[in-house]
N, C-alpha and C. Protein backbone atom coordinates (compact mmCIF):
# COMPACT_ATOMS: atom_id res chain seq x y z
N MET A 1 -49.95 -15.25 -36.31
CA MET A 1 -50.93 -16.14 -35.69
C MET A 1 -52.31 -15.69 -36.16
N PHE A 2 -53.13 -16.65 -36.64
CA PHE A 2 -54.39 -16.27 -37.23
C PHE A 2 -55.58 -16.88 -36.51
N ASP A 3 -56.50 -16.02 -36.18
CA ASP A 3 -57.85 -16.40 -35.77
C ASP A 3 -58.74 -15.35 -36.39
N ALA A 4 -58.50 -15.10 -37.69
CA ALA A 4 -58.96 -13.88 -38.33
C ALA A 4 -60.25 -14.05 -39.11
N CYS A 5 -61.19 -14.80 -38.56
CA CYS A 5 -62.51 -14.92 -39.18
C CYS A 5 -63.48 -14.03 -38.42
N HIS A 6 -64.12 -13.13 -39.15
CA HIS A 6 -65.08 -12.23 -38.53
C HIS A 6 -66.43 -12.91 -38.38
N GLU A 7 -67.27 -12.34 -37.51
CA GLU A 7 -68.61 -12.90 -37.31
C GLU A 7 -69.46 -12.78 -38.57
N ASP A 8 -69.11 -11.87 -39.49
CA ASP A 8 -69.84 -11.76 -40.75
C ASP A 8 -69.33 -12.73 -41.80
N GLY A 9 -68.33 -13.54 -41.44
CA GLY A 9 -67.83 -14.56 -42.36
C GLY A 9 -66.60 -14.16 -43.14
N THR A 10 -66.25 -12.87 -43.17
CA THR A 10 -65.02 -12.49 -43.87
C THR A 10 -63.81 -12.96 -43.08
N LEU A 11 -62.74 -13.25 -43.78
CA LEU A 11 -61.53 -13.74 -43.12
C LEU A 11 -60.30 -13.27 -43.86
N VAL A 12 -59.14 -13.44 -43.23
CA VAL A 12 -57.87 -13.03 -43.81
C VAL A 12 -57.12 -14.27 -44.26
N VAL A 13 -56.60 -14.23 -45.49
CA VAL A 13 -55.79 -15.33 -46.01
C VAL A 13 -54.48 -14.76 -46.51
N ARG A 14 -53.48 -15.62 -46.53
CA ARG A 14 -52.17 -15.23 -47.02
C ARG A 14 -51.93 -15.82 -48.39
N GLY A 15 -51.40 -15.00 -49.31
CA GLY A 15 -51.04 -15.48 -50.63
C GLY A 15 -52.21 -15.49 -51.59
N GLY A 16 -51.89 -15.75 -52.84
CA GLY A 16 -52.91 -15.86 -53.87
C GLY A 16 -53.31 -14.55 -54.51
N GLY A 17 -52.76 -13.44 -54.04
CA GLY A 17 -53.09 -12.15 -54.61
C GLY A 17 -52.11 -11.77 -55.70
N THR A 18 -52.14 -10.50 -56.06
CA THR A 18 -51.31 -10.04 -57.17
C THR A 18 -49.88 -9.73 -56.74
N ARG A 19 -49.62 -9.65 -55.41
CA ARG A 19 -48.30 -9.23 -54.95
C ARG A 19 -47.49 -10.39 -54.38
N GLY A 20 -48.00 -11.60 -54.47
CA GLY A 20 -47.20 -12.74 -54.09
C GLY A 20 -47.57 -13.35 -52.76
N ALA A 21 -46.67 -14.24 -52.28
CA ALA A 21 -46.99 -15.10 -51.15
C ALA A 21 -47.18 -14.34 -49.85
N ASN A 22 -46.59 -13.15 -49.72
CA ASN A 22 -46.68 -12.42 -48.46
C ASN A 22 -47.80 -11.39 -48.45
N GLU A 23 -48.63 -11.41 -49.45
CA GLU A 23 -49.77 -10.50 -49.44
C GLU A 23 -50.90 -11.12 -48.60
N TYR A 24 -51.51 -10.31 -47.77
CA TYR A 24 -52.62 -10.76 -46.92
C TYR A 24 -53.90 -10.07 -47.39
N ARG A 25 -54.93 -10.88 -47.62
CA ARG A 25 -56.16 -10.36 -48.20
C ARG A 25 -57.35 -10.68 -47.32
N ILE A 26 -58.31 -9.76 -47.31
CA ILE A 26 -59.60 -9.98 -46.66
C ILE A 26 -60.55 -10.49 -47.72
N ILE A 27 -61.12 -11.67 -47.48
CA ILE A 27 -62.03 -12.24 -48.48
C ILE A 27 -63.36 -12.61 -47.83
N ARG A 28 -64.39 -12.69 -48.67
CA ARG A 28 -65.71 -13.14 -48.23
C ARG A 28 -65.76 -14.67 -48.26
N PRO A 29 -66.79 -15.26 -47.65
CA PRO A 29 -66.90 -16.73 -47.66
C PRO A 29 -66.95 -17.33 -49.06
N ASP A 30 -67.42 -16.55 -50.06
CA ASP A 30 -67.49 -17.09 -51.43
C ASP A 30 -66.16 -16.94 -52.17
N GLY A 31 -65.14 -16.36 -51.50
CA GLY A 31 -63.82 -16.25 -52.11
C GLY A 31 -63.54 -14.92 -52.77
N THR A 32 -64.53 -14.05 -52.88
CA THR A 32 -64.27 -12.75 -53.49
C THR A 32 -63.49 -11.86 -52.53
N GLU A 33 -62.62 -11.04 -53.09
CA GLU A 33 -61.74 -10.20 -52.27
C GLU A 33 -62.43 -8.91 -51.86
N VAL A 34 -62.36 -8.61 -50.58
CA VAL A 34 -62.89 -7.35 -50.06
C VAL A 34 -61.82 -6.26 -50.14
N ALA A 35 -60.63 -6.59 -49.67
CA ALA A 35 -59.53 -5.63 -49.65
C ALA A 35 -58.23 -6.38 -49.44
N SER A 36 -57.14 -5.67 -49.64
CA SER A 36 -55.82 -6.22 -49.38
C SER A 36 -55.20 -5.51 -48.19
N LEU A 37 -54.57 -6.29 -47.31
CA LEU A 37 -53.80 -5.70 -46.22
C LEU A 37 -52.38 -5.38 -46.66
N GLY A 38 -52.04 -5.74 -47.89
CA GLY A 38 -50.69 -5.52 -48.38
C GLY A 38 -49.74 -6.61 -47.92
N ARG A 39 -48.48 -6.34 -48.09
CA ARG A 39 -47.45 -7.31 -47.72
C ARG A 39 -47.06 -7.08 -46.26
N LEU A 40 -47.29 -8.07 -45.44
CA LEU A 40 -46.85 -8.02 -44.06
C LEU A 40 -45.49 -8.69 -43.96
N VAL A 41 -44.87 -8.55 -42.80
CA VAL A 41 -43.54 -9.12 -42.63
C VAL A 41 -43.60 -10.63 -42.84
N GLU A 42 -42.58 -11.18 -43.45
CA GLU A 42 -42.54 -12.62 -43.72
C GLU A 42 -42.37 -13.40 -42.42
N PRO A 43 -43.15 -14.45 -42.20
CA PRO A 43 -42.93 -15.29 -41.01
C PRO A 43 -41.52 -15.85 -41.00
N ARG A 44 -40.95 -15.95 -39.80
CA ARG A 44 -39.58 -16.44 -39.69
C ARG A 44 -39.56 -17.63 -38.74
N TYR A 45 -39.30 -18.82 -39.30
CA TYR A 45 -39.30 -20.04 -38.50
C TYR A 45 -37.92 -20.67 -38.40
N ASN A 46 -36.98 -20.23 -39.23
CA ASN A 46 -35.65 -20.85 -39.25
C ASN A 46 -34.66 -20.03 -38.43
N SER A 47 -35.08 -19.65 -37.25
CA SER A 47 -34.25 -18.82 -36.39
C SER A 47 -34.47 -19.22 -34.95
N PRO A 48 -33.52 -18.93 -34.05
CA PRO A 48 -33.78 -19.17 -32.62
C PRO A 48 -34.96 -18.35 -32.11
N PHE A 49 -35.27 -17.27 -32.81
CA PHE A 49 -36.37 -16.41 -32.40
C PHE A 49 -37.42 -16.40 -33.50
N MET A 50 -38.34 -17.33 -33.41
CA MET A 50 -39.34 -17.50 -34.46
C MET A 50 -40.45 -16.48 -34.28
N THR A 51 -40.79 -15.75 -35.32
CA THR A 51 -41.84 -14.74 -35.26
C THR A 51 -42.73 -14.84 -36.49
N GLU A 52 -43.90 -14.27 -36.38
CA GLU A 52 -44.84 -14.23 -37.48
C GLU A 52 -45.81 -13.07 -37.24
N PRO A 53 -46.46 -12.60 -38.26
CA PRO A 53 -47.43 -11.53 -38.04
C PRO A 53 -48.67 -12.06 -37.33
N TRP A 54 -49.34 -11.19 -36.61
CA TRP A 54 -50.60 -11.50 -35.95
C TRP A 54 -51.71 -10.69 -36.62
N VAL A 55 -52.80 -11.35 -36.97
CA VAL A 55 -53.97 -10.68 -37.53
C VAL A 55 -55.19 -11.22 -36.79
N LEU A 56 -55.82 -10.38 -35.98
CA LEU A 56 -56.94 -10.82 -35.16
C LEU A 56 -58.15 -9.91 -35.40
N PRO A 57 -59.36 -10.47 -35.43
CA PRO A 57 -60.55 -9.65 -35.66
C PRO A 57 -60.84 -8.75 -34.47
N ALA A 58 -61.33 -7.56 -34.77
CA ALA A 58 -61.78 -6.61 -33.76
C ALA A 58 -63.13 -6.06 -34.21
N ALA A 59 -63.78 -5.32 -33.33
CA ALA A 59 -65.14 -4.86 -33.63
C ALA A 59 -65.18 -4.03 -34.91
N SER A 60 -64.18 -3.18 -35.13
CA SER A 60 -64.19 -2.29 -36.29
C SER A 60 -63.41 -2.83 -37.48
N GLY A 61 -62.77 -3.97 -37.32
CA GLY A 61 -61.98 -4.52 -38.41
C GLY A 61 -61.01 -5.56 -37.91
N TYR A 62 -59.70 -5.21 -37.91
CA TYR A 62 -58.68 -6.15 -37.48
C TYR A 62 -57.59 -5.41 -36.70
N VAL A 63 -56.92 -6.16 -35.84
CA VAL A 63 -55.69 -5.69 -35.20
C VAL A 63 -54.54 -6.49 -35.80
N VAL A 64 -53.52 -5.80 -36.28
CA VAL A 64 -52.38 -6.42 -36.95
C VAL A 64 -51.12 -6.07 -36.17
N ALA A 65 -50.26 -7.06 -35.96
CA ALA A 65 -49.03 -6.81 -35.22
C ALA A 65 -47.92 -7.69 -35.75
N ASP A 66 -46.70 -7.22 -35.56
CA ASP A 66 -45.51 -7.98 -35.92
C ASP A 66 -44.67 -8.09 -34.67
N ALA A 67 -44.40 -9.31 -34.23
CA ALA A 67 -43.68 -9.51 -32.97
C ALA A 67 -42.22 -9.09 -33.04
N ARG A 68 -41.76 -8.60 -34.19
CA ARG A 68 -40.39 -8.08 -34.25
C ARG A 68 -40.33 -6.61 -33.86
N GLN A 69 -41.47 -5.98 -33.67
CA GLN A 69 -41.49 -4.60 -33.19
C GLN A 69 -42.65 -4.46 -32.21
N TYR A 70 -42.43 -3.67 -31.17
CA TYR A 70 -43.46 -3.52 -30.15
C TYR A 70 -44.43 -2.45 -30.62
N ALA A 71 -45.23 -2.83 -31.62
CA ALA A 71 -46.22 -1.93 -32.17
C ALA A 71 -47.35 -2.76 -32.75
N PHE A 72 -48.52 -2.18 -32.80
CA PHE A 72 -49.64 -2.83 -33.49
C PHE A 72 -50.47 -1.74 -34.15
N TRP A 73 -51.28 -2.13 -35.11
CA TRP A 73 -52.11 -1.15 -35.79
C TRP A 73 -53.49 -1.73 -36.04
N THR A 74 -54.47 -0.84 -36.13
CA THR A 74 -55.84 -1.25 -36.40
C THR A 74 -56.14 -1.01 -37.88
N VAL A 75 -56.93 -1.91 -38.44
CA VAL A 75 -57.29 -1.87 -39.85
C VAL A 75 -58.80 -2.00 -39.94
N ASN A 76 -59.44 -1.17 -40.75
CA ASN A 76 -60.89 -1.32 -40.90
C ASN A 76 -61.21 -2.49 -41.83
N ARG A 77 -62.48 -2.76 -42.01
CA ARG A 77 -62.87 -3.94 -42.80
C ARG A 77 -62.59 -3.78 -44.28
N PHE A 78 -62.14 -2.59 -44.68
CA PHE A 78 -61.79 -2.36 -46.07
C PHE A 78 -60.28 -2.33 -46.28
N GLY A 79 -59.54 -2.72 -45.22
CA GLY A 79 -58.10 -2.87 -45.35
C GLY A 79 -57.27 -1.63 -45.10
N SER A 80 -57.89 -0.51 -44.70
CA SER A 80 -57.15 0.73 -44.48
C SER A 80 -56.74 0.85 -43.01
N ARG A 81 -55.51 1.27 -42.78
CA ARG A 81 -55.05 1.49 -41.41
C ARG A 81 -55.78 2.68 -40.81
N THR A 82 -56.24 2.52 -39.59
CA THR A 82 -56.93 3.60 -38.90
C THR A 82 -56.15 4.15 -37.72
N ARG A 83 -55.20 3.36 -37.20
CA ARG A 83 -54.41 3.83 -36.07
C ARG A 83 -53.18 2.95 -35.92
N VAL A 84 -52.05 3.55 -35.56
CA VAL A 84 -50.83 2.81 -35.25
C VAL A 84 -50.44 3.12 -33.82
N ILE A 85 -50.23 2.08 -33.02
CA ILE A 85 -49.87 2.26 -31.61
C ILE A 85 -48.48 1.69 -31.40
N ARG A 86 -47.57 2.52 -30.99
CA ARG A 86 -46.22 2.07 -30.66
C ARG A 86 -46.16 1.89 -29.16
N ALA A 87 -46.04 0.64 -28.74
CA ALA A 87 -46.24 0.30 -27.34
C ALA A 87 -44.95 0.12 -26.56
N GLY A 88 -43.81 0.34 -27.17
CA GLY A 88 -42.57 0.15 -26.44
C GLY A 88 -41.38 0.58 -27.26
N PRO A 89 -40.19 0.55 -26.68
CA PRO A 89 -38.98 1.00 -27.38
C PRO A 89 -38.52 -0.01 -28.42
N ALA A 90 -37.63 0.43 -29.27
CA ALA A 90 -37.03 -0.48 -30.25
C ALA A 90 -36.25 -1.58 -29.53
N LEU A 91 -36.21 -2.76 -30.14
CA LEU A 91 -35.54 -3.88 -29.51
C LEU A 91 -34.03 -3.80 -29.70
N LYS A 92 -33.31 -4.29 -28.69
CA LYS A 92 -31.86 -4.31 -28.77
C LYS A 92 -31.42 -5.44 -29.70
N ARG A 93 -30.50 -5.11 -30.59
CA ARG A 93 -29.94 -6.12 -31.49
C ARG A 93 -28.91 -6.94 -30.73
N LEU A 94 -28.98 -8.27 -30.85
CA LEU A 94 -28.05 -9.16 -30.16
C LEU A 94 -26.71 -9.19 -30.88
N SER A 95 -25.66 -9.40 -30.12
CA SER A 95 -24.35 -9.62 -30.72
C SER A 95 -24.31 -11.02 -31.32
N GLU A 96 -23.28 -11.29 -32.10
CA GLU A 96 -23.15 -12.63 -32.68
C GLU A 96 -23.01 -13.68 -31.58
N ALA A 97 -22.26 -13.35 -30.52
CA ALA A 97 -22.07 -14.30 -29.42
C ALA A 97 -23.40 -14.60 -28.72
N GLU A 98 -24.19 -13.57 -28.47
CA GLU A 98 -25.50 -13.78 -27.83
C GLU A 98 -26.40 -14.61 -28.72
N TRP A 99 -26.35 -14.34 -30.03
CA TRP A 99 -27.16 -15.10 -30.97
C TRP A 99 -26.75 -16.58 -30.95
N ARG A 100 -25.45 -16.85 -30.91
CA ARG A 100 -24.96 -18.24 -30.91
C ARG A 100 -25.42 -18.98 -29.65
N VAL A 101 -25.42 -18.31 -28.50
CA VAL A 101 -25.90 -18.94 -27.27
C VAL A 101 -27.36 -19.34 -27.43
N ALA A 102 -28.18 -18.43 -27.96
CA ALA A 102 -29.59 -18.73 -28.16
C ALA A 102 -29.78 -19.84 -29.19
N ALA A 103 -28.98 -19.81 -30.25
CA ALA A 103 -29.10 -20.83 -31.30
C ALA A 103 -28.73 -22.21 -30.79
N GLN A 104 -27.73 -22.29 -29.93
CA GLN A 104 -27.34 -23.59 -29.40
C GLN A 104 -28.41 -24.17 -28.48
N ARG A 105 -29.22 -23.32 -27.86
CA ARG A 105 -30.33 -23.84 -27.06
C ARG A 105 -31.40 -24.46 -27.96
N VAL A 106 -31.58 -23.87 -29.13
CA VAL A 106 -32.59 -24.38 -30.07
C VAL A 106 -32.06 -25.58 -30.84
N PHE A 107 -30.78 -25.54 -31.20
CA PHE A 107 -30.16 -26.62 -31.98
C PHE A 107 -29.01 -27.22 -31.16
N PRO A 108 -29.27 -27.88 -30.05
CA PRO A 108 -28.19 -28.37 -29.18
C PRO A 108 -27.38 -29.48 -29.87
N GLN A 109 -26.09 -29.49 -29.54
CA GLN A 109 -25.18 -30.53 -30.02
C GLN A 109 -25.26 -30.68 -31.54
N SER A 110 -25.33 -29.58 -32.23
CA SER A 110 -25.50 -29.63 -33.67
C SER A 110 -24.78 -28.45 -34.30
N PRO A 111 -24.22 -28.62 -35.49
CA PRO A 111 -23.61 -27.49 -36.19
C PRO A 111 -24.65 -26.58 -36.86
N GLU A 112 -25.92 -26.85 -36.58
CA GLU A 112 -26.98 -26.12 -37.27
C GLU A 112 -26.88 -24.61 -37.03
N ALA A 113 -26.55 -24.22 -35.80
CA ALA A 113 -26.46 -22.79 -35.50
C ALA A 113 -25.43 -22.11 -36.39
N GLY A 114 -24.26 -22.73 -36.52
CA GLY A 114 -23.23 -22.16 -37.38
C GLY A 114 -23.65 -22.09 -38.83
N ARG A 115 -24.34 -23.12 -39.30
CA ARG A 115 -24.80 -23.12 -40.68
C ARG A 115 -25.80 -22.00 -40.92
N ARG A 116 -26.70 -21.81 -39.98
CA ARG A 116 -27.72 -20.76 -40.15
C ARG A 116 -27.07 -19.37 -40.11
N LEU A 117 -26.10 -19.22 -39.24
CA LEU A 117 -25.42 -17.94 -39.17
C LEU A 117 -24.67 -17.67 -40.47
N ALA A 118 -23.96 -18.69 -40.98
CA ALA A 118 -23.21 -18.53 -42.22
C ALA A 118 -24.14 -18.26 -43.40
N ALA A 119 -25.37 -18.78 -43.31
CA ALA A 119 -26.34 -18.58 -44.40
C ALA A 119 -27.00 -17.21 -44.34
N GLY A 120 -26.63 -16.41 -43.34
CA GLY A 120 -27.15 -15.06 -43.29
C GLY A 120 -28.38 -14.88 -42.44
N ASP A 121 -28.51 -15.65 -41.37
CA ASP A 121 -29.63 -15.45 -40.47
C ASP A 121 -29.41 -14.12 -39.74
N THR A 122 -30.11 -13.11 -40.17
CA THR A 122 -29.87 -11.76 -39.65
C THR A 122 -30.93 -11.33 -38.64
N LEU A 123 -31.83 -12.22 -38.27
CA LEU A 123 -32.83 -11.85 -37.27
C LEU A 123 -32.16 -11.95 -35.90
N ARG A 124 -31.64 -10.85 -35.42
CA ARG A 124 -30.83 -10.85 -34.20
C ARG A 124 -31.54 -10.17 -33.04
N THR A 125 -32.84 -10.12 -33.06
CA THR A 125 -33.57 -9.57 -31.93
C THR A 125 -34.57 -10.61 -31.43
N LYS A 126 -34.81 -10.59 -30.14
CA LYS A 126 -35.85 -11.44 -29.59
C LYS A 126 -37.21 -10.87 -29.99
N PRO A 127 -38.24 -11.71 -30.01
CA PRO A 127 -39.57 -11.16 -30.28
C PRO A 127 -39.93 -10.09 -29.26
N ALA A 128 -40.66 -9.09 -29.71
CA ALA A 128 -41.05 -7.99 -28.82
C ALA A 128 -42.10 -8.42 -27.81
N PHE A 129 -42.90 -9.42 -28.19
CA PHE A 129 -43.93 -9.92 -27.28
C PHE A 129 -44.21 -11.38 -27.60
N GLY A 130 -44.90 -12.04 -26.68
CA GLY A 130 -45.12 -13.47 -26.85
C GLY A 130 -46.44 -13.86 -27.48
N ALA A 131 -47.48 -13.09 -27.23
CA ALA A 131 -48.81 -13.42 -27.77
C ALA A 131 -49.65 -12.17 -27.76
N LEU A 132 -50.75 -12.22 -28.48
CA LEU A 132 -51.65 -11.08 -28.58
C LEU A 132 -53.09 -11.57 -28.55
N ARG A 133 -53.94 -10.85 -27.83
CA ARG A 133 -55.37 -11.13 -27.79
C ARG A 133 -56.13 -9.83 -28.01
N VAL A 134 -57.31 -9.93 -28.59
CA VAL A 134 -58.20 -8.79 -28.73
C VAL A 134 -59.56 -9.19 -28.18
N ASP A 135 -60.10 -8.37 -27.27
CA ASP A 135 -61.39 -8.73 -26.70
C ASP A 135 -62.53 -8.00 -27.43
N PRO A 136 -63.79 -8.36 -27.17
CA PRO A 136 -64.91 -7.75 -27.90
C PRO A 136 -65.03 -6.24 -27.75
N ARG A 137 -64.42 -5.67 -26.74
CA ARG A 137 -64.46 -4.22 -26.56
C ARG A 137 -63.29 -3.52 -27.24
N GLY A 138 -62.49 -4.27 -27.97
CA GLY A 138 -61.40 -3.69 -28.71
C GLY A 138 -60.12 -3.51 -27.93
N ARG A 139 -60.09 -3.96 -26.68
CA ARG A 139 -58.86 -3.88 -25.90
C ARG A 139 -57.85 -4.89 -26.45
N VAL A 140 -56.60 -4.48 -26.47
CA VAL A 140 -55.53 -5.33 -26.98
C VAL A 140 -54.68 -5.79 -25.81
N TRP A 141 -54.53 -7.11 -25.68
CA TRP A 141 -53.77 -7.74 -24.61
C TRP A 141 -52.47 -8.27 -25.21
N ILE A 142 -51.32 -7.82 -24.68
CA ILE A 142 -50.02 -8.22 -25.21
C ILE A 142 -49.22 -8.91 -24.12
N ARG A 143 -48.82 -10.14 -24.38
CA ARG A 143 -48.08 -10.91 -23.40
C ARG A 143 -46.58 -10.65 -23.51
N ASP A 144 -45.93 -10.55 -22.36
CA ASP A 144 -44.48 -10.37 -22.34
C ASP A 144 -43.77 -11.55 -22.99
N GLN A 145 -42.64 -11.27 -23.58
CA GLN A 145 -41.81 -12.34 -24.10
C GLN A 145 -40.96 -12.97 -22.99
N GLU A 146 -40.38 -12.13 -22.15
CA GLU A 146 -39.49 -12.62 -21.11
C GLU A 146 -40.24 -13.07 -19.86
N LEU A 147 -41.44 -12.57 -19.66
CA LEU A 147 -42.21 -12.90 -18.47
C LEU A 147 -43.58 -13.40 -18.95
N PRO A 148 -43.70 -14.68 -19.32
CA PRO A 148 -44.87 -15.17 -20.05
C PRO A 148 -46.18 -15.10 -19.28
N HIS A 149 -46.16 -14.83 -17.98
CA HIS A 149 -47.42 -14.68 -17.26
C HIS A 149 -47.81 -13.21 -17.10
N GLY A 150 -47.06 -12.30 -17.72
CA GLY A 150 -47.37 -10.88 -17.63
C GLY A 150 -47.99 -10.35 -18.92
N TRP A 151 -49.06 -9.58 -18.79
CA TRP A 151 -49.78 -9.02 -19.94
C TRP A 151 -49.97 -7.51 -19.74
N ASN A 152 -49.78 -6.73 -20.81
CA ASN A 152 -50.14 -5.31 -20.83
C ASN A 152 -51.43 -5.16 -21.62
N VAL A 153 -52.32 -4.32 -21.14
CA VAL A 153 -53.64 -4.16 -21.76
C VAL A 153 -53.79 -2.72 -22.23
N PHE A 154 -54.15 -2.55 -23.52
CA PHE A 154 -54.30 -1.24 -24.13
C PHE A 154 -55.76 -1.04 -24.56
N ASP A 155 -56.25 0.20 -24.48
CA ASP A 155 -57.61 0.47 -24.95
C ASP A 155 -57.58 0.76 -26.44
N THR A 156 -58.74 1.10 -27.00
CA THR A 156 -58.84 1.27 -28.45
C THR A 156 -58.06 2.48 -28.96
N SER A 157 -57.72 3.43 -28.07
CA SER A 157 -56.94 4.59 -28.48
C SER A 157 -55.45 4.34 -28.39
N GLY A 158 -55.07 3.19 -27.81
CA GLY A 158 -53.66 2.88 -27.63
C GLY A 158 -53.13 3.23 -26.26
N ALA A 159 -53.99 3.74 -25.37
CA ALA A 159 -53.56 4.07 -24.02
C ALA A 159 -53.41 2.79 -23.19
N LEU A 160 -52.39 2.76 -22.35
CA LEU A 160 -52.17 1.60 -21.48
C LEU A 160 -53.18 1.63 -20.34
N LEU A 161 -54.02 0.60 -20.28
CA LEU A 161 -55.02 0.51 -19.22
C LEU A 161 -54.44 -0.07 -17.94
N GLY A 162 -53.53 -1.01 -18.07
CA GLY A 162 -52.97 -1.63 -16.88
C GLY A 162 -52.19 -2.87 -17.23
N ARG A 163 -51.79 -3.57 -16.21
CA ARG A 163 -50.95 -4.75 -16.36
C ARG A 163 -51.54 -5.88 -15.54
N VAL A 164 -51.55 -7.09 -16.12
CA VAL A 164 -52.11 -8.27 -15.47
C VAL A 164 -51.01 -9.30 -15.29
N LEU A 165 -50.86 -9.82 -14.08
CA LEU A 165 -49.94 -10.92 -13.79
C LEU A 165 -50.77 -12.14 -13.42
N LEU A 166 -50.55 -13.25 -14.12
CA LEU A 166 -51.40 -14.43 -13.96
C LEU A 166 -50.93 -15.38 -12.87
N ARG A 167 -49.77 -15.20 -12.36
CA ARG A 167 -49.32 -16.12 -11.32
C ARG A 167 -48.20 -15.47 -10.51
N SER A 168 -47.94 -16.05 -9.36
CA SER A 168 -46.78 -15.66 -8.58
C SER A 168 -45.74 -16.76 -8.69
N MET A 169 -44.60 -16.57 -8.03
CA MET A 169 -43.52 -17.55 -8.12
C MET A 169 -43.89 -18.87 -7.44
N PHE A 170 -44.96 -18.87 -6.66
CA PHE A 170 -45.34 -20.08 -5.92
C PHE A 170 -46.48 -20.85 -6.60
N GLU A 171 -46.98 -20.36 -7.73
CA GLU A 171 -48.12 -20.99 -8.37
C GLU A 171 -47.71 -21.67 -9.66
N SER A 172 -48.57 -22.57 -10.12
CA SER A 172 -48.32 -23.27 -11.37
C SER A 172 -48.53 -22.32 -12.55
N ALA A 173 -47.99 -22.71 -13.70
CA ALA A 173 -48.10 -21.88 -14.89
C ALA A 173 -49.55 -21.70 -15.28
N ARG A 174 -49.88 -20.51 -15.73
CA ARG A 174 -51.23 -20.21 -16.18
C ARG A 174 -51.17 -19.56 -17.55
N GLU A 175 -52.21 -19.79 -18.32
CA GLU A 175 -52.25 -19.28 -19.69
C GLU A 175 -53.59 -18.59 -19.93
N LEU A 176 -53.53 -17.38 -20.45
CA LEU A 176 -54.75 -16.65 -20.82
C LEU A 176 -55.23 -17.20 -22.16
N VAL A 177 -56.36 -17.88 -22.16
CA VAL A 177 -56.82 -18.54 -23.39
C VAL A 177 -57.96 -17.79 -24.08
N ARG A 178 -58.67 -16.94 -23.35
CA ARG A 178 -59.75 -16.19 -23.97
C ARG A 178 -60.08 -14.97 -23.12
N VAL A 179 -60.44 -13.88 -23.83
CA VAL A 179 -60.88 -12.67 -23.15
C VAL A 179 -62.21 -12.23 -23.74
N GLY A 180 -63.22 -12.10 -22.90
CA GLY A 180 -64.52 -11.61 -23.34
C GLY A 180 -64.66 -10.13 -23.02
N ALA A 181 -65.89 -9.62 -23.19
CA ALA A 181 -66.13 -8.21 -22.91
C ALA A 181 -65.94 -7.89 -21.43
N ASP A 182 -66.35 -8.84 -20.55
CA ASP A 182 -66.25 -8.57 -19.12
C ASP A 182 -65.73 -9.77 -18.33
N TYR A 183 -65.00 -10.66 -19.02
CA TYR A 183 -64.42 -11.81 -18.33
C TYR A 183 -63.16 -12.27 -19.05
N ALA A 184 -62.35 -13.04 -18.33
CA ALA A 184 -61.16 -13.65 -18.90
C ALA A 184 -61.11 -15.12 -18.47
N VAL A 185 -60.63 -15.97 -19.34
CA VAL A 185 -60.51 -17.40 -19.06
C VAL A 185 -59.03 -17.75 -18.98
N VAL A 186 -58.64 -18.33 -17.86
CA VAL A 186 -57.25 -18.69 -17.62
C VAL A 186 -57.14 -20.20 -17.43
N LYS A 187 -56.24 -20.83 -18.17
CA LYS A 187 -56.01 -22.27 -18.04
C LYS A 187 -54.83 -22.51 -17.11
N ARG A 188 -54.99 -23.47 -16.20
CA ARG A 188 -53.89 -23.84 -15.31
C ARG A 188 -53.87 -25.35 -15.13
N SER A 189 -52.74 -25.87 -14.68
CA SER A 189 -52.57 -27.30 -14.48
C SER A 189 -52.47 -27.60 -13.00
N GLY A 190 -53.03 -28.74 -12.60
CA GLY A 190 -52.96 -29.18 -11.22
C GLY A 190 -51.71 -30.01 -10.97
N PRO A 191 -51.51 -30.46 -9.75
CA PRO A 191 -50.28 -31.20 -9.39
C PRO A 191 -50.14 -32.54 -10.12
N ASP A 192 -51.28 -33.13 -10.55
CA ASP A 192 -51.22 -34.41 -11.25
C ASP A 192 -51.41 -34.25 -12.76
N GLY A 193 -51.29 -33.01 -13.25
CA GLY A 193 -51.43 -32.77 -14.68
C GLY A 193 -52.83 -32.46 -15.14
N GLU A 194 -53.79 -32.47 -14.21
CA GLU A 194 -55.15 -32.13 -14.62
C GLU A 194 -55.25 -30.66 -15.01
N VAL A 195 -56.18 -30.36 -15.90
CA VAL A 195 -56.31 -29.01 -16.45
C VAL A 195 -57.58 -28.36 -15.91
N TYR A 196 -57.45 -27.11 -15.48
CA TYR A 196 -58.58 -26.34 -14.98
C TYR A 196 -58.73 -25.08 -15.82
N LEU A 197 -59.97 -24.63 -15.97
CA LEU A 197 -60.27 -23.34 -16.59
C LEU A 197 -60.88 -22.45 -15.52
N ASP A 198 -60.22 -21.34 -15.24
CA ASP A 198 -60.70 -20.38 -14.25
C ASP A 198 -61.30 -19.19 -14.98
N PHE A 199 -62.52 -18.80 -14.60
CA PHE A 199 -63.20 -17.67 -15.20
C PHE A 199 -63.10 -16.48 -14.23
N HIS A 200 -62.59 -15.37 -14.73
CA HIS A 200 -62.39 -14.18 -13.91
C HIS A 200 -63.23 -13.03 -14.46
N ARG A 201 -63.93 -12.33 -13.59
CA ARG A 201 -64.72 -11.17 -14.00
C ARG A 201 -63.83 -9.95 -14.17
N ILE A 202 -64.03 -9.21 -15.26
CA ILE A 202 -63.34 -7.94 -15.48
C ILE A 202 -64.28 -6.82 -15.03
N LEU A 203 -63.91 -6.11 -14.01
CA LEU A 203 -64.77 -5.06 -13.47
C LEU A 203 -64.46 -3.72 -14.16
N PRO A 204 -65.50 -2.93 -14.45
CA PRO A 204 -65.27 -1.63 -15.08
C PRO A 204 -64.53 -0.69 -14.15
N ARG A 205 -63.75 0.20 -14.74
CA ARG A 205 -63.01 1.17 -13.94
C ARG A 205 -63.91 2.31 -13.50
């Protein structure tokens, strides 16, 4: 998922470099290359568990993550890794039967699941997380995959700051759409489908 344009105009693009389609490069607005992030994991869309790399701007460079592993790393503006944070255990590999159940939900009443399995669809783990946000203070917000209203928040050193739950079982679905230095914006829907944006203050510890 990309929102990788910095305030100085540099941005991250995929492909077009010397290493092929999966190379990610930092370029200036005029198209000149600043640095290469190298080859990141290939996006996977032909699976019950669709994943892609995340590259988001941060104050010192970028935060890069792959939803197939519960880890993220920071990269400076010259493309060098500065820190790797492993935020959780390795994911459990699904059995073929579990994979087929998930595939039938995505491809109902269709032989598509069997065809994909026969073609060697080997991505047998659920995504490690559902979404990622980076705020202006460098905190990394990671949304649960199984509990989409739950977020874990990490500081710039990789320490877990806390956990945020956006709703209870009695409330409508809410989505974290933006995080500022000292506020968060949450989108929610009303009973008639109307959309509200709630602004919440983040208080210092």
